Amino acid sequence: MSNHAPIIPSLSDSGIHYYQTYEESLALWPVHYETFYVPTRFGQTHIIASGPKNAPPLVLLHGALFSSTMWYPNISEWSSKYRTYAIDIMGDKNKSIPVDLNGTRTGYADWLLEVFDNLGIKKAYLVGLSLGGLHVMNFALRAAERVEKAVLLSPAETFVSFHPNFYKYALGLSVPNGVENFLKWMMGDRYVLHPNFAKQFHAGVMWQDELRNPKPKADGFPYVFTDDELKSVKVPILLLLSQYEVIYDPQSALHRATTFVSGIEAEIVKNAGHVLSMEQPEYVNGRVLSFLNK
């Protein structure tokens, strides 16, 4: 394992604590990995890479506040077939270091293009969960020539708007018991985060950093794609939604996706909630590989 990191800017106590919890979560990573930073004009992008260096590239984009460490239940299988790059999304709570983030759809696509170029990736498979799924769809629409296939796992908005309860629980994250209430709402009694990861999630919520709390913009995230945008998708897409999804109605998302995205493979995963890659890793791991491999 190596870490070719730039000099980290001075961090608050909450930032230092977050970095410590990130490393504790990374201890759950079950296969060999290396971590490094890729420079872009938007800042330094932190990446966790695993798998054979000569294997086809698979880019993983995490959910909001979860960081790239969330892929630990999936990485063993996926990195056995692919060179995986788990990328910390610029501007979210993770180890990437933003310096100039405009937060627009075009800006985020340009950021990921720079990461691809600096990694020497001409074309990749992409998997994204929640916020990461929204990023994947945005990138597939704006840089289709760089995408082999795309997998959307419980994508944030994308097809339908958030349920009002999402804002209620998300805005209450930093109040006493806010994290516990949010996780209980999202995961019910089905799943409990590993203590290391739960500690990291809590530390991320409490980490106050202006560049990692960008203000929403009219052309920023999250958002629902228009009918015409969905009709224009040119890359093969697998959409996995969850039976117990709470951030929006999964049946409505499924209907809109299959109505407007030509050739999409879409299904609702049983006995799973929003973070289905953690709740049902065995099924999700296999389903993703079968889609990518064919």
Protein backbone atom coordinates (compact mmCIF):
# COMPACT_ATOMS: atom_id res chain seq x y z
CA MET A 1 0.00 0.00 0.00
CA SER A 2 1.33 3.41 -0.88
CA ASN A 3 0.19 6.93 -0.31
CA HIS A 4 1.59 9.55 -2.68
CA ALA A 5 -0.30 12.40 -1.05
CA PRO A 6 0.24 16.12 -1.40
CA ILE A 7 0.77 18.21 1.67
CA ILE A 8 -2.59 18.27 3.45
CA PRO A 9 -3.77 21.79 4.26
CA SER A 10 -4.21 22.64 7.92
CA LEU A 11 -7.23 20.84 9.28
CA SER A 12 -9.55 21.67 12.13
CA ASP A 13 -9.72 19.23 15.02
CA SER A 14 -12.89 17.79 13.45
CA GLY A 15 -11.03 17.38 10.15
CA ILE A 16 -8.12 15.59 11.81
CA HIS A 17 -10.57 13.31 13.59
CA TYR A 18 -12.32 12.58 10.30
CA TYR A 19 -9.05 11.58 8.60
CA GLN A 20 -8.35 9.19 11.48
CA THR A 21 -11.78 7.56 11.16
CA TYR A 22 -11.34 7.27 7.37
CA GLU A 23 -8.18 5.23 7.94
CA GLU A 24 -9.99 3.05 10.47
CA SER A 25 -12.67 2.31 7.87
CA LEU A 26 -10.03 1.58 5.27
CA ALA A 27 -8.77 -1.16 7.58
CA LEU A 28 -11.94 -3.05 6.56
CA TRP A 29 -10.74 -3.18 2.91
CA PRO A 30 -10.29 -6.93 2.32
CA VAL A 31 -7.81 -6.83 -0.59
CA HIS A 32 -4.52 -5.13 -1.41
CA TYR A 33 -4.90 -1.47 -2.26
CA GLU A 34 -2.93 1.67 -2.92
CA THR A 35 -4.04 5.23 -2.21
CA PHE A 36 -2.88 8.29 -4.06
CA TYR A 37 -3.92 11.73 -5.23
CA VAL A 38 -4.59 12.89 -8.78
CA PRO A 39 -4.24 16.63 -9.48
CA THR A 40 -7.05 18.52 -11.23
CA ARG A 41 -7.80 22.21 -11.56
CA PHE A 42 -10.65 21.65 -9.08
CA GLY A 43 -8.31 20.24 -6.43
CA GLN A 44 -6.51 17.04 -5.44
CA THR A 45 -8.62 13.91 -5.96
CA HIS A 46 -8.05 11.03 -3.53
CA ILE A 47 -8.33 7.50 -4.95
CA ILE A 48 -8.24 3.97 -3.55
CA ALA A 49 -7.09 1.54 -6.27
CA SER A 50 -7.23 -2.26 -6.23
CA GLY A 51 -7.02 -5.13 -8.69
CA PRO A 52 -4.63 -6.01 -11.53
CA LYS A 53 -3.14 -2.92 -13.17
CA ASN A 54 -3.64 -4.39 -16.64
CA ALA A 55 -7.34 -5.24 -16.06
CA PRO A 56 -10.15 -3.10 -17.53
CA PRO A 57 -10.80 0.03 -15.42
CA LEU A 58 -13.85 0.18 -13.16
CA VAL A 59 -14.56 3.55 -11.54
CA LEU A 60 -16.58 3.62 -8.29
CA LEU A 61 -18.36 6.75 -7.06
CA HIS A 62 -19.68 6.69 -3.50
CA GLY A 63 -22.79 8.02 -1.78
CA ALA A 64 -22.85 11.39 -0.02
CA LEU A 65 -21.02 11.39 3.34
CA PHE A 66 -19.99 7.75 2.82
CA SER A 67 -16.69 8.24 0.94
CA SER A 68 -14.87 5.58 -1.06
CA THR A 69 -14.40 3.42 2.04
CA MET A 70 -18.06 2.33 1.64
CA TRP A 71 -17.08 -0.16 -1.09
CA TYR A 72 -15.34 -2.58 1.28
CA PRO A 73 -18.14 -5.23 1.01
CA ASN A 74 -17.92 -5.17 -2.80
CA ILE A 75 -14.29 -4.61 -3.68
CA SER A 76 -12.99 -8.16 -3.33
CA GLU A 77 -15.18 -9.54 -6.13
CA TRP A 78 -15.06 -6.50 -8.37
CA SER A 79 -11.29 -6.05 -8.16
CA SER A 80 -10.77 -9.71 -9.05
CA LYS A 81 -11.92 -8.87 -12.60
CA TYR A 82 -11.20 -5.14 -12.90
CA ARG A 83 -8.70 -2.48 -11.93
CA THR A 84 -10.94 -0.57 -9.54
CA TYR A 85 -10.60 3.12 -8.80
CA ALA A 86 -12.74 4.20 -5.84
CA ILE A 87 -12.78 7.98 -6.26
CA ASP A 88 -13.54 10.39 -3.44
CA ILE A 89 -16.04 12.85 -4.96
CA MET A 90 -14.72 16.39 -4.90
CA GLY A 91 -16.55 18.62 -2.43
CA ASP A 92 -18.11 15.84 -0.35
CA LYS A 93 -16.81 14.70 3.07
CA ASN A 94 -13.80 12.53 2.20
CA LYS A 95 -10.04 12.85 1.60
CA SER A 96 -10.15 14.76 -1.69
CA ILE A 97 -8.96 18.36 -1.30
CA PRO A 98 -11.08 20.90 -3.19
CA VAL A 99 -9.63 24.27 -4.12
CA ASP A 100 -11.96 25.63 -6.79
CA LEU A 101 -15.27 23.81 -7.02
CA ASN A 102 -18.08 25.42 -8.99
CA GLY A 103 -20.40 22.51 -8.26
CA THR A 104 -22.22 22.62 -11.61
CA ARG A 105 -23.12 19.61 -13.74
CA THR A 106 -20.60 20.61 -16.39
CA GLY A 107 -17.95 21.31 -13.74
CA TYR A 108 -18.34 17.90 -12.13
CA ALA A 109 -18.13 16.17 -15.53
CA ASP A 110 -15.00 18.17 -16.36
CA TRP A 111 -13.49 17.21 -12.99
CA LEU A 112 -14.05 13.50 -13.67
CA LEU A 113 -12.68 13.86 -17.20
CA GLU A 114 -9.48 15.30 -15.75
CA VAL A 115 -9.25 12.38 -13.33
CA PHE A 116 -9.69 9.93 -16.22
CA ASP A 117 -7.02 11.70 -18.26
CA ASN A 118 -4.54 11.76 -15.39
CA LEU A 119 -5.14 8.06 -14.72
CA GLY A 120 -4.66 7.29 -18.42
CA ILE A 121 -8.21 5.93 -18.72
CA LYS A 122 -9.59 6.18 -22.25
CA LYS A 123 -12.83 4.38 -21.45
CA ALA A 124 -14.12 2.83 -18.21
CA TYR A 125 -16.96 0.98 -16.59
CA LEU A 126 -18.64 3.06 -13.89
CA VAL A 127 -20.63 2.18 -10.76
CA GLY A 128 -22.18 4.82 -8.53
CA LEU A 129 -24.41 4.72 -5.48
CA SER A 130 -26.81 7.53 -4.49
CA LEU A 131 -24.90 10.80 -5.10
CA GLY A 132 -22.33 8.73 -6.99
CA GLY A 133 -25.09 7.30 -9.20
CA LEU A 134 -26.19 10.82 -10.09
CA HIS A 135 -22.58 11.68 -10.97
CA VAL A 136 -22.36 8.57 -13.16
CA MET A 137 -25.49 9.51 -15.09
CA ASN A 138 -24.29 13.10 -15.48
CA PHE A 139 -20.94 11.86 -16.82
CA ALA A 140 -22.55 9.30 -19.15
CA LEU A 141 -24.63 12.08 -20.71
CA ARG A 142 -21.72 14.51 -21.10
CA ALA A 143 -18.86 12.13 -21.95
CA ALA A 144 -20.49 9.01 -23.41
CA GLU A 145 -17.38 8.23 -25.44
CA ARG A 146 -15.48 7.59 -22.16
CA VAL A 147 -18.05 5.15 -20.71
CA GLU A 148 -18.22 1.43 -21.57
CA LYS A 149 -21.19 0.67 -19.30
CA ALA A 150 -22.73 2.35 -16.28
CA VAL A 151 -24.37 0.99 -13.13
CA LEU A 152 -26.67 3.19 -11.04
CA LEU A 153 -27.36 1.97 -7.50
CA SER A 154 -30.21 3.88 -5.78
CA PRO A 155 -29.19 7.07 -7.62
CA ALA A 156 -29.96 10.34 -5.84
CA GLU A 157 -32.96 11.93 -7.61
CA THR A 158 -31.99 11.30 -11.30
CA PHE A 159 -35.40 9.88 -12.24
CA VAL A 160 -37.72 11.26 -9.53
CA SER A 161 -37.53 13.92 -6.81
CA PHE A 162 -36.61 13.21 -3.21
CA HIS A 163 -39.38 12.48 -0.74
CA PRO A 164 -39.83 15.47 1.64
CA ASN A 165 -38.68 13.25 4.53
CA PHE A 166 -35.22 13.15 2.98
CA TYR A 167 -34.72 16.85 3.68
CA LYS A 168 -36.22 16.49 7.13
CA TYR A 169 -33.72 13.82 8.15
CA ALA A 170 -30.74 15.17 6.19
CA LEU A 171 -31.08 18.66 7.62
CA GLY A 172 -31.32 17.17 11.10
CA LEU A 173 -28.08 15.17 10.86
CA SER A 174 -26.03 17.52 13.04
CA VAL A 175 -28.52 17.80 15.90
CA PRO A 176 -28.31 15.43 18.92
CA ASN A 177 -29.19 11.88 17.79
CA GLY A 178 -29.49 13.19 14.21
CA VAL A 179 -27.10 10.62 12.74
CA GLU A 180 -28.82 7.78 14.56
CA ASN A 181 -32.26 8.98 13.44
CA PHE A 182 -31.09 9.33 9.83
CA LEU A 183 -29.56 5.85 9.70
CA LYS A 184 -32.59 4.30 11.39
CA TRP A 185 -34.87 5.97 8.84
CA MET A 186 -32.70 4.82 5.94
CA MET A 187 -31.86 1.29 7.06
CA GLY A 188 -34.60 0.35 9.52
CA ASP A 189 -33.87 -2.86 11.42
CA ARG A 190 -32.37 -4.59 8.38
CA TYR A 191 -28.80 -3.43 8.62
CA VAL A 192 -26.34 -1.85 11.05
CA LEU A 193 -23.19 -0.11 9.84
CA HIS A 194 -19.87 -1.56 10.95
CA PRO A 195 -18.70 0.41 14.03
CA ASN A 196 -15.62 1.73 12.19
CA PHE A 197 -17.71 2.97 9.30
CA ALA A 198 -20.46 4.38 11.54
CA LYS A 199 -17.77 6.34 13.39
CA GLN A 200 -16.46 7.75 10.10
CA PHE A 201 -19.96 8.72 8.94
CA HIS A 202 -20.60 10.55 12.20
CA ALA A 203 -17.21 12.31 12.00
CA GLY A 204 -18.02 13.43 8.45
CA VAL A 205 -21.29 14.96 9.55
CA MET A 206 -19.53 16.86 12.31
CA TRP A 207 -16.60 18.04 10.16
CA GLN A 208 -17.15 21.69 9.35
CA ASP A 209 -15.34 22.79 6.20
CA GLU A 210 -16.68 25.47 3.85
CA LEU A 211 -15.27 23.85 0.70
CA ARG A 212 -16.88 20.55 1.66
CA ASN A 213 -20.24 22.17 2.32
CA PRO A 214 -20.81 23.89 -1.05
CA LYS A 215 -23.98 25.90 -1.38
CA PRO A 216 -26.56 24.49 -3.86
CA LYS A 217 -26.53 26.09 -7.30
CA ALA A 218 -29.22 26.27 -9.95
CA ASP A 219 -27.22 23.97 -12.23
CA GLY A 220 -25.81 21.82 -9.45
CA PHE A 221 -26.64 18.61 -7.62
CA PRO A 222 -29.03 16.97 -6.89
CA TYR A 223 -31.56 17.10 -9.71
CA VAL A 224 -33.93 15.10 -11.88
CA PHE A 225 -33.04 14.64 -15.55
CA THR A 226 -35.51 15.78 -18.19
CA ASP A 227 -37.32 13.35 -20.48
CA ASP A 228 -35.15 14.47 -23.40
CA GLU A 229 -31.94 13.98 -21.41
CA LEU A 230 -32.96 10.45 -20.47
CA LYS A 231 -33.92 9.67 -24.06
CA SER A 232 -30.45 10.78 -25.19
CA VAL A 233 -28.53 8.24 -23.07
CA LYS A 234 -26.17 6.33 -25.38
CA VAL A 235 -24.39 3.91 -23.01
CA PRO A 236 -25.66 0.58 -21.61
CA ILE A 237 -27.07 1.12 -18.13
CA LEU A 238 -28.02 -1.15 -15.23
CA LEU A 239 -30.30 0.42 -12.62
CA LEU A 240 -30.70 -1.29 -9.25
CA LEU A 241 -33.29 0.16 -6.89
CA SER A 242 -34.33 -1.08 -3.46
CA GLN A 243 -37.52 -2.64 -2.12
CA TYR A 244 -37.32 -0.56 1.06
CA GLU A 245 -36.11 2.69 -0.50
CA VAL A 246 -37.20 5.74 1.53
CA ILE A 247 -35.60 8.70 -0.26
CA TYR A 248 -38.13 8.38 -3.12
CA ASP A 249 -40.68 5.93 -4.51
CA PRO A 250 -38.69 3.16 -6.23
CA GLN A 251 -41.61 2.04 -8.41
CA SER A 252 -41.97 5.56 -9.83
CA ALA A 253 -38.21 5.73 -10.50
CA LEU A 254 -38.31 2.32 -12.17
CA HIS A 255 -41.24 3.34 -14.37
CA ARG A 256 -39.64 6.58 -15.52
CA ALA A 257 -36.26 4.96 -16.16
CA THR A 258 -37.69 2.14 -18.27
CA THR A 259 -39.99 4.54 -20.13
CA PHE A 260 -37.30 6.96 -21.30
CA VAL A 261 -33.88 5.23 -21.21
CA SER A 262 -33.55 2.97 -24.23
CA GLY A 263 -32.31 -0.55 -23.46
CA ILE A 264 -31.87 0.02 -19.73
CA GLU A 265 -31.77 -3.02 -17.47
CA ALA A 266 -33.64 -2.14 -14.29
CA GLU A 267 -34.91 -4.00 -11.26
CA ILE A 268 -35.84 -3.60 -7.62
CA VAL A 269 -33.62 -5.56 -5.23
CA LYS A 270 -35.55 -7.40 -2.54
CA ASN A 271 -34.81 -7.02 1.17
CA ALA A 272 -32.63 -3.95 0.63
CA GLY A 273 -32.83 -0.26 1.38
CA HIS A 274 -31.05 2.76 -0.02
CA VAL A 275 -27.46 1.55 0.52
CA LEU A 276 -28.12 -1.75 -1.21
CA SER A 277 -24.44 -2.44 -1.96
CA MET A 278 -23.87 -2.77 1.79
CA GLU A 279 -27.21 -4.35 2.72
CA GLN A 280 -27.18 -7.01 -0.01
CA PRO A 281 -23.56 -7.19 -1.18
CA GLU A 282 -23.63 -10.79 -2.36
CA TYR A 283 -26.50 -10.17 -4.78
CA VAL A 284 -25.31 -6.73 -5.90
CA ASN A 285 -21.73 -7.91 -6.45
CA GLY A 286 -22.86 -10.74 -8.71
CA ARG A 287 -25.49 -8.73 -10.56
CA VAL A 288 -23.05 -5.94 -11.34
CA LEU A 289 -20.39 -8.35 -12.58
CA SER A 290 -22.84 -10.23 -14.79
CA PHE A 291 -23.88 -6.94 -16.41
CA LEU A 292 -20.34 -5.68 -16.89
CA ASN A 293 -18.97 -8.98 -18.19
CA LYS A 294 -21.53 -9.71 -20.88
